[in-house]
Protein backbone atom coordinates (compact mmCIF):
# COMPACT_ATOMS: atom_id res chain seq x y z
CA MET A 1 163.40 148.14 -29.33
CA SER A 2 162.86 146.40 -32.68
CA THR A 3 165.50 144.14 -34.19
CA LYS A 4 165.87 142.40 -37.54
CA SER A 5 164.31 139.29 -36.03
CA ASP A 6 161.16 141.04 -34.77
CA VAL A 7 157.97 140.35 -36.67
CA ASP A 8 155.64 143.33 -36.96
CA PRO A 9 152.99 142.96 -34.19
CA THR A 10 150.12 143.52 -36.63
CA THR A 11 151.49 140.83 -38.93
CA LEU A 12 152.07 138.45 -36.03
CA LYS A 13 148.38 138.63 -35.10
CA LEU A 14 147.51 137.34 -38.59
CA LEU A 15 149.98 134.45 -38.64
CA VAL A 16 149.03 130.92 -37.58
CA CYS A 17 150.80 127.60 -37.38
CA PRO A 18 150.71 125.97 -40.83
CA VAL A 19 150.02 122.58 -39.22
CA THR A 20 147.36 123.33 -36.57
CA LYS A 21 146.22 126.86 -37.50
CA ALA A 22 146.83 127.84 -33.85
CA PRO A 23 148.22 131.29 -32.97
CA LEU A 24 151.98 131.78 -32.87
CA THR A 25 154.05 133.50 -30.19
CA GLN A 26 157.38 135.15 -30.91
CA ILE A 27 160.11 133.92 -28.58
CA GLY A 28 163.49 135.35 -29.53
CA GLU A 29 164.19 134.61 -33.18
CA GLU A 30 161.43 132.02 -33.55
CA LEU A 31 157.64 131.75 -33.70
CA TRP A 32 156.40 129.06 -31.33
CA CYS A 33 153.21 127.00 -31.54
CA SER A 34 152.16 125.15 -28.39
CA ALA A 35 149.54 123.09 -30.25
CA SER A 36 152.05 121.46 -32.61
CA ALA A 37 155.09 121.89 -30.32
CA SER A 38 156.91 123.54 -33.22
CA ALA A 39 159.24 126.52 -33.53
CA TYR A 40 159.58 128.34 -36.84
CA PRO A 41 162.66 130.49 -37.49
CA ILE A 42 162.56 134.20 -38.28
CA VAL A 43 165.17 135.27 -40.82
CA ASN A 44 165.69 138.99 -41.45
CA GLY A 45 162.28 139.73 -39.96
CA LYS A 46 160.51 137.16 -42.13
CA PRO A 47 159.04 134.01 -40.56
CA LEU A 48 159.76 130.74 -42.36
CA LEU A 49 156.48 128.90 -41.84
CA LEU A 50 157.49 125.71 -43.61
CA SER A 51 157.38 122.34 -41.87
CA ASP A 52 160.89 121.58 -43.17
CA SER A 53 162.27 124.66 -41.40
CA ALA A 54 160.54 123.97 -38.05
CA ARG A 55 162.12 122.36 -35.03
CA THR A 56 160.31 120.43 -32.32
CA LEU A 57 159.95 122.19 -28.99
CA SER A 58 161.09 120.40 -25.85
CA LEU A 59 158.54 119.68 -23.11
CA GLU A 60 160.09 122.48 -21.05
CA GLU A 61 159.68 124.95 -23.92
CA VAL A 62 156.02 123.96 -24.42
CA ASP A 63 155.37 124.45 -20.68
CA ARG A 64 157.12 127.83 -20.81
CA LEU A 65 154.96 128.91 -23.75
CA ARG A 66 151.71 127.76 -22.15
CA ASN A 67 152.59 129.59 -18.93
CA ARG A 68 153.04 132.88 -20.86
CA ARG A 69 149.34 133.03 -21.78
């Protein structure tokens, strides 16, 4: 089921981390990048891919993301 925070799967395949250019993975209401250990928020279905809006992932979150692949 799609929610307001879901990014369209086709769009998600085109998006990359603005810092590392690595692929992003949607986890809940954020797009995560394991390469930069950053999480970018999704607001009303639109990702905010600005470094000022990102938060740093914890080591546990980075491990969780890497284990998903």
